[in-house]
Amino acid sequence: MALATTILAAAPALGAPTIRPDEWSAYRQNYVTDTGRVVDTANGNISHSESQGYGLLLAYLADDRPTFEAIWSFTRTELMVRPDGLAAWRWEEDKTPHVTDTNNASDGDILIAYALGLAGQAWNDPAKLDAARGIVSALGDDLLVQINGLRVTLPGVEGFAVGHRDDAPVVNPSYWIWEARPVFQQLDPDTDWQSVGEDELKLLSLSANNTAGLPPDWVSLAEDDPRPADGFPPEFGYNNIRVPLYLMRAGAPSEALEPFRAMADDDGLKRIDVTTGEVKEHLTEPGYQLIGAALACVLDGKPVPADASHFAPTSYYAATLQLLALDFLRRERAQCLTEDSR
């Protein structure tokens, strides 16, 4: 798996909203409460820093400032309870206290900071820029590690670094949201976030040196060659199916996307055992189908089927990825879509 190491795209500037009012209304009704809590409907209706970050980013792309403010208010008051400026990752409505795991999850932190940075700039809101800057600074201080000359982001402060487990450090490539790096570079110029993104691309490539040719969701970097981390299924699964979407959104070149052909077919995406190449499950919700269809259009010019581009709120995760894929296609690959989907 050979990956180019240059991120090409800038962050999406707010012009005409790329998420349609009917799509965003359906998303809000299914997953966002009046208090601004974004609900993971396939995971016991919990909320987490990832869902709040995705909600903020989608509200920005829909140009819905009131909902953005509600989601940020919930996030700020309920999850920003750690002394280091990062977000606690897990919140459960039926538990007291509601935060049931105070460790952070760096994908949630990255999404929250990225959305705040975009919104702060677009809406001329210095308070949001300051909040984003604080999260980015904390990520740089607490989550960046150097491994064999490469700087990468750990999944969390606790549990993944050297000294925390025998096969540490352990990383999760789907936590590396490359499109956020240019915004982080502006917010925190003292850290070379562009280089971090490039190093993470290199490590993504190294992690895919296995039978399936795809990176496992959880990767041990304890040895010279990356391998599936202990205690996790050795699979390209629900985490890493978003990696090619993130690469497309970041403007990665075709050679970076080519290996991910193995994850998709006409029925959607596949969970794959990276040690054997065995397909463990087909993921057929429209949001998953659209990622595969977008990949086929970017690589081969194949039009996206109309049913895949029709927003259908099923599970929170699939619906979220579908809206992010639609945003990308409408901004960067409108020719992939039928006229009524653009």
Protein backbone atom coordinates (compact mmCIF):
# COMPACT_ATOMS: atom_id res chain seq x y z
CA MET A 1 0.00 0.00 0.00
CA ALA A 2 1.86 3.09 -1.20
CA LEU A 3 0.54 6.44 -0.02
CA ALA A 4 1.51 9.88 -1.16
CA THR A 5 2.32 12.10 1.78
CA THR A 6 0.92 15.46 0.76
CA ILE A 7 -2.42 16.84 1.93
CA LEU A 8 -3.80 18.97 -0.87
CA ALA A 9 -7.14 20.36 0.23
CA ALA A 10 -7.85 23.33 2.43
CA ALA A 11 -10.67 23.18 4.96
CA PRO A 12 -14.17 23.74 3.54
CA ALA A 13 -15.08 27.41 3.61
CA LEU A 14 -18.70 28.18 4.38
CA GLY A 15 -20.47 29.20 1.19
CA ALA A 16 -23.82 27.81 0.19
CA PRO A 17 -24.64 25.01 2.65
CA THR A 18 -23.76 21.61 1.22
CA ILE A 19 -26.18 19.76 3.48
CA ARG A 20 -29.76 20.39 2.39
CA PRO A 21 -32.40 21.65 4.84
CA ASP A 22 -34.49 18.48 4.53
CA GLU A 23 -31.43 16.27 5.15
CA TRP A 24 -30.30 18.29 8.12
CA SER A 25 -33.82 18.41 9.56
CA ALA A 26 -34.05 14.62 9.36
CA TYR A 27 -30.63 14.26 11.00
CA ARG A 28 -31.54 16.65 13.82
CA GLN A 29 -34.85 14.94 14.46
CA ASN A 30 -33.24 11.51 14.68
CA TYR A 31 -29.99 12.22 16.52
CA VAL A 32 -29.87 15.69 18.13
CA THR A 33 -31.87 16.53 21.25
CA ASP A 34 -33.17 19.99 22.12
CA THR A 35 -30.34 20.30 24.64
CA GLY A 36 -27.70 19.75 21.93
CA ARG A 37 -26.84 16.18 22.81
CA VAL A 38 -25.97 14.08 19.73
CA VAL A 39 -27.21 10.53 20.32
CA ASP A 40 -25.51 7.36 19.12
CA THR A 41 -28.62 5.32 18.40
CA ALA A 42 -26.75 2.08 17.70
CA ASN A 43 -24.74 2.23 20.94
CA GLY A 44 -27.32 2.32 23.70
CA ASN A 45 -28.27 5.95 22.99
CA ILE A 46 -25.12 7.23 24.66
CA SER A 47 -23.33 10.36 23.57
CA HIS A 48 -19.60 10.85 23.21
CA SER A 49 -17.07 13.41 22.16
CA GLU A 50 -17.06 11.95 18.64
CA SER A 51 -20.84 12.40 18.23
CA GLN A 52 -20.67 15.94 19.57
CA GLY A 53 -17.79 16.75 17.23
CA TYR A 54 -19.57 15.30 14.23
CA GLY A 55 -22.71 17.22 15.19
CA LEU A 56 -20.79 20.49 15.35
CA LEU A 57 -19.14 19.89 11.97
CA LEU A 58 -22.42 18.97 10.29
CA ALA A 59 -24.23 21.95 11.83
CA TYR A 60 -21.50 24.17 10.42
CA LEU A 61 -21.82 22.58 6.96
CA ALA A 62 -25.61 23.04 7.15
CA ASP A 63 -25.09 26.68 8.24
CA ASP A 64 -27.32 26.10 11.26
CA ARG A 65 -25.83 28.34 13.90
CA PRO A 66 -28.58 27.84 16.56
CA THR A 67 -28.07 24.07 16.50
CA PHE A 68 -24.30 24.54 16.50
CA GLU A 69 -24.61 26.71 19.61
CA ALA A 70 -26.82 24.11 21.33
CA ILE A 71 -24.40 21.26 20.56
CA TRP A 72 -21.43 23.33 21.69
CA SER A 73 -23.23 24.33 24.90
CA PHE A 74 -23.89 20.69 25.78
CA THR A 75 -20.33 19.71 24.86
CA ARG A 76 -18.79 22.55 26.86
CA THR A 77 -20.84 22.00 30.00
CA GLU A 78 -21.11 18.19 30.02
CA LEU A 79 -17.89 16.89 28.45
CA MET A 80 -15.26 19.60 28.87
CA VAL A 81 -14.68 18.55 32.47
CA ARG A 82 -11.07 17.37 32.25
CA PRO A 83 -8.33 19.58 33.73
CA ASP A 84 -6.19 19.30 30.56
CA GLY A 85 -8.71 21.02 28.25
CA LEU A 86 -9.73 17.86 26.38
CA ALA A 87 -13.21 16.30 26.39
CA ALA A 88 -14.33 13.32 28.43
CA TRP A 89 -15.39 10.82 25.84
CA ARG A 90 -18.48 8.99 27.19
CA TRP A 91 -21.81 10.36 28.49
CA GLU A 92 -24.84 8.25 29.49
CA GLU A 93 -28.26 9.71 30.24
CA ASP A 94 -29.34 7.00 32.70
CA LYS A 95 -26.17 7.09 34.81
CA THR A 96 -25.10 9.38 37.66
CA PRO A 97 -22.76 11.05 37.05
CA HIS A 98 -23.55 11.14 33.35
CA VAL A 99 -19.87 11.04 32.36
CA THR A 100 -19.02 7.37 32.77
CA ASP A 101 -15.49 7.48 31.36
CA THR A 102 -13.39 10.59 31.82
CA ASN A 103 -10.63 9.49 29.45
CA ASN A 104 -10.59 11.43 26.21
CA ALA A 105 -10.86 10.15 22.63
CA SER A 106 -8.67 12.15 20.30
CA ASP A 107 -10.98 11.82 17.28
CA GLY A 108 -13.69 13.57 19.27
CA ASP A 109 -11.27 16.28 20.40
CA ILE A 110 -10.05 16.79 16.82
CA LEU A 111 -13.59 17.04 15.45
CA ILE A 112 -14.67 19.48 18.15
CA ALA A 113 -11.64 21.72 17.67
CA TYR A 114 -11.91 21.56 13.88
CA ALA A 115 -15.59 22.54 13.87
CA LEU A 116 -14.97 25.35 16.36
CA GLY A 117 -12.11 26.64 14.22
CA LEU A 118 -14.20 26.63 11.06
CA ALA A 119 -17.20 28.23 12.73
CA GLY A 120 -15.13 30.77 14.62
CA GLN A 121 -13.55 31.97 11.41
CA ALA A 122 -16.74 31.92 9.31
CA TRP A 123 -18.90 33.61 11.93
CA ASN A 124 -16.20 35.98 13.24
CA ASP A 125 -16.46 34.52 16.73
CA PRO A 126 -13.19 34.93 18.69
CA ALA A 127 -14.51 32.88 21.63
CA LYS A 128 -14.88 29.81 19.44
CA LEU A 129 -11.42 30.32 17.99
CA ASP A 130 -9.99 30.57 21.50
CA ALA A 131 -11.79 27.37 22.54
CA ALA A 132 -10.48 25.58 19.45
CA ARG A 133 -6.98 26.83 20.09
CA GLY A 134 -7.04 25.49 23.64
CA ILE A 135 -8.06 22.00 22.50
CA VAL A 136 -5.48 21.93 19.72
CA SER A 137 -2.76 23.00 22.13
CA ALA A 138 -3.75 20.26 24.58
CA LEU A 139 -3.72 17.68 21.80
CA GLY A 140 -0.20 18.74 20.87
CA ASP A 141 0.98 18.62 24.47
CA ASP A 142 -0.64 15.36 25.55
CA LEU A 143 -1.33 13.16 22.49
CA LEU A 144 1.54 13.59 20.03
CA VAL A 145 4.26 10.94 20.22
CA GLN A 146 7.26 10.16 18.04
CA ILE A 147 7.69 6.59 16.82
CA ASN A 148 10.62 5.63 14.60
CA GLY A 149 10.95 9.24 13.54
CA LEU A 150 7.23 9.71 12.82
CA ARG A 151 4.96 11.96 14.90
CA VAL A 152 1.45 10.61 15.33
CA THR A 153 -1.62 11.19 17.50
CA LEU A 154 -2.54 8.65 20.18
CA PRO A 155 -6.21 7.68 20.63
CA GLY A 156 -6.34 8.89 24.22
CA VAL A 157 -4.30 10.19 27.12
CA GLU A 158 -4.78 7.02 29.15
CA GLY A 159 -4.27 3.45 27.97
CA PHE A 160 -2.30 3.69 24.73
CA ALA A 161 1.16 5.13 25.44
CA VAL A 162 4.34 3.30 26.39
CA GLY A 163 3.98 2.13 29.99
CA HIS A 164 0.21 1.80 29.71
CA ARG A 165 0.16 -1.60 27.94
CA ASP A 166 2.67 -4.22 26.79
CA ASP A 167 2.17 -3.62 23.05
CA ALA A 168 2.22 0.18 23.31
CA PRO A 169 2.15 2.53 21.68
CA VAL A 170 -1.20 1.68 20.11
CA VAL A 171 -2.92 3.91 17.55
CA ASN A 172 -6.16 3.96 15.60
CA PRO A 173 -5.79 5.38 12.05
CA SER A 174 -9.43 6.44 11.89
CA TYR A 175 -8.68 9.01 14.59
CA TRP A 176 -6.42 10.88 12.16
CA ILE A 177 -8.69 13.47 10.52
CA TRP A 178 -6.39 14.91 7.88
CA GLU A 179 -8.68 17.69 6.69
CA ALA A 180 -8.38 19.32 10.11
CA ARG A 181 -4.61 19.74 9.89
CA PRO A 182 -4.58 23.03 7.91
CA VAL A 183 -6.98 24.56 10.45
CA PHE A 184 -4.85 23.27 13.32
CA GLN A 185 -1.78 24.77 11.67
CA GLN A 186 -3.46 28.18 11.70
CA LEU A 187 -4.62 27.82 15.29
CA ASP A 188 -1.34 26.45 16.66
CA PRO A 189 1.55 27.49 14.38
CA ASP A 190 4.15 26.40 16.95
CA THR A 191 3.32 22.74 16.16
CA ASP A 192 3.94 21.44 12.65
CA TRP A 193 0.50 19.88 12.21
CA GLN A 194 0.97 19.51 8.46
CA SER A 195 3.99 17.30 9.11
CA VAL A 196 2.02 15.31 11.66
CA GLY A 197 -0.61 14.62 9.01
CA GLU A 198 2.03 13.50 6.54
CA ASP A 199 3.66 11.21 9.12
CA GLU A 200 0.28 9.68 9.91
CA LEU A 201 -0.22 8.96 6.20
CA LYS A 202 3.12 7.16 6.14
CA LEU A 203 2.20 5.08 9.17
CA LEU A 204 -1.20 4.30 7.65
CA SER A 205 0.62 2.81 4.69
CA LEU A 206 2.99 0.78 6.86
CA SER A 207 0.05 -0.54 8.90
CA ALA A 208 -1.51 -2.09 5.80
CA ASN A 209 1.34 -4.53 5.17
CA ASN A 210 -0.80 -7.63 5.72
CA THR A 211 -2.85 -10.21 3.83
CA ALA A 212 -5.82 -7.88 3.28
CA GLY A 213 -3.68 -4.87 2.33
CA LEU A 214 -5.74 -2.71 4.70
CA PRO A 215 -4.88 -1.14 8.06
CA PRO A 216 -6.43 -2.78 11.14
CA ASP A 217 -8.57 -0.56 13.33
CA TRP A 218 -6.13 -0.82 16.25
CA VAL A 219 -2.41 -0.93 15.52
CA SER A 220 0.49 -1.82 17.81
CA LEU A 221 3.70 0.08 17.10
CA ALA A 222 5.78 -1.73 19.71
CA GLU A 223 7.91 -3.46 17.07
CA ASP A 224 9.57 -2.32 13.86
CA ASP A 225 6.59 -3.52 11.79
CA PRO A 226 3.09 -2.38 12.80
CA ARG A 227 0.69 -5.21 13.70
CA PRO A 228 -2.86 -5.62 15.03
CA ALA A 229 -2.98 -4.55 18.66
CA ASP A 230 -3.54 -7.10 21.39
CA GLY A 231 -7.08 -7.47 22.70
CA PHE A 232 -8.77 -6.07 19.58
CA PRO A 233 -10.14 -8.03 16.61
CA PRO A 234 -7.46 -7.99 13.85
CA GLU A 235 -9.82 -6.35 11.41
CA PHE A 236 -10.43 -3.45 9.12
CA GLY A 237 -13.82 -2.62 10.58
CA TYR A 238 -16.28 -0.01 11.75
CA ASN A 239 -13.50 2.39 12.76
CA ASN A 240 -11.40 2.38 9.61
CA ILE A 241 -14.20 2.37 7.05
CA ARG A 242 -14.14 6.15 7.49
CA VAL A 243 -10.44 6.43 6.61
CA PRO A 244 -10.96 6.64 2.81
CA LEU A 245 -13.71 9.21 3.37
CA TYR A 246 -11.30 11.30 5.42
CA LEU A 247 -8.65 10.91 2.73
CA MET A 248 -11.06 12.01 0.00
CA ARG A 249 -12.19 14.99 2.06
CA ALA A 250 -8.56 15.97 2.63
CA GLY A 251 -7.77 15.91 -1.09
CA ALA A 252 -5.46 12.90 -0.96
CA PRO A 253 -4.36 11.69 -4.42
CA SER A 254 -5.68 8.58 -6.12
CA GLU A 255 -2.72 6.42 -5.14
CA ALA A 256 -3.63 6.98 -1.49
CA LEU A 257 -7.17 5.76 -2.13
CA GLU A 258 -6.41 2.85 -4.44
CA PRO A 259 -5.86 0.20 -1.72
CA PHE A 260 -9.31 0.83 -0.29
CA ARG A 261 -11.00 -0.72 -3.30
CA ALA A 262 -10.78 -3.96 -1.31
CA MET A 263 -13.26 -2.64 1.28
CA ALA A 264 -16.17 -1.98 -1.10
CA ASP A 265 -18.49 -3.75 -3.49
CA ASP A 266 -21.91 -3.01 -4.99
CA ASP A 267 -23.61 -3.93 -1.70
CA GLY A 268 -21.65 -1.50 0.48
CA LEU A 269 -18.57 -1.88 2.65
CA LYS A 270 -16.91 -4.91 4.24
CA ARG A 271 -15.44 -5.72 7.61
CA ILE A 272 -12.33 -7.73 6.81
CA ASP A 273 -9.96 -9.85 8.90
CA VAL A 274 -6.62 -8.34 7.92
CA THR A 275 -4.69 -11.50 8.81
CA THR A 276 -6.72 -13.82 6.54
CA GLY A 277 -8.58 -11.53 4.13
CA GLU A 278 -11.88 -13.10 5.26
CA VAL A 279 -14.97 -10.89 4.95
CA LYS A 280 -16.58 -10.77 8.39
CA GLU A 281 -19.65 -8.66 7.58
CA HIS A 282 -21.24 -6.61 4.81
CA LEU A 283 -22.27 -3.09 5.85
CA THR A 284 -25.20 -2.12 3.65
CA GLU A 285 -26.74 1.03 5.16
CA PRO A 286 -26.93 3.90 2.64
CA GLY A 287 -24.20 5.85 4.44
CA TYR A 288 -21.78 2.99 4.01
CA GLN A 289 -22.82 2.41 0.39
CA LEU A 290 -22.14 6.07 -0.40
CA ILE A 291 -18.54 5.88 0.81
CA GLY A 292 -17.89 3.00 -1.59
CA ALA A 293 -19.72 4.77 -4.41
CA ALA A 294 -17.79 8.00 -3.81
CA LEU A 295 -14.53 6.05 -3.87
CA ALA A 296 -15.50 4.42 -7.19
CA CYS A 297 -16.31 7.79 -8.71
CA VAL A 298 -13.10 9.44 -7.52
CA LEU A 299 -10.98 6.55 -8.78
CA ASP A 300 -12.87 5.48 -11.92
CA GLY A 301 -15.37 8.22 -12.75
CA LYS A 302 -18.26 5.85 -12.04
CA PRO A 303 -21.47 7.80 -11.29
CA VAL A 304 -22.89 7.49 -7.79
CA PRO A 305 -26.19 5.54 -7.79
CA ALA A 306 -29.13 7.76 -6.93
CA ASP A 307 -30.26 5.55 -4.05
CA ALA A 308 -26.86 5.87 -2.34
CA SER A 309 -26.97 9.67 -2.52
CA HIS A 310 -30.51 9.86 -1.11
CA PHE A 311 -30.15 10.65 2.59
CA ALA A 312 -31.79 7.99 4.72
CA PRO A 313 -31.30 8.30 8.49
CA THR A 314 -30.69 4.76 9.72
CA SER A 315 -28.05 4.47 12.45
CA TYR A 316 -26.28 7.56 13.79
CA TYR A 317 -22.86 6.54 12.47
CA ALA A 318 -23.92 5.58 8.96
CA ALA A 319 -26.08 8.70 8.65
CA THR A 320 -23.23 10.92 9.82
CA LEU A 321 -20.80 9.45 7.30
CA GLN A 322 -23.40 9.77 4.55
CA LEU A 323 -23.81 13.50 5.14
CA LEU A 324 -20.04 14.00 5.23
CA ALA A 325 -19.75 12.09 1.94
CA LEU A 326 -22.53 14.17 0.38
CA ASP A 327 -20.79 17.35 1.52
CA PHE A 328 -17.56 16.20 -0.13
CA LEU A 329 -19.22 15.16 -3.39
CA ARG A 330 -21.22 18.37 -3.72
CA ARG A 331 -18.16 20.53 -3.10
CA GLU A 332 -15.50 18.58 -4.97
CA ARG A 333 -17.10 15.94 -7.22
CA ALA A 334 -20.52 17.22 -8.24
CA GLN A 335 -20.17 15.40 -11.55
CA CYS A 336 -20.38 12.14 -9.61
CA LEU A 337 -23.96 12.90 -8.58
CA THR A 338 -27.21 12.94 -10.47
CA GLU A 339 -28.55 16.45 -11.06
CA ASP A 340 -31.23 16.18 -8.36
CA SER A 341 -28.63 15.02 -5.79
CA ARG A 342 -26.19 17.92 -6.31
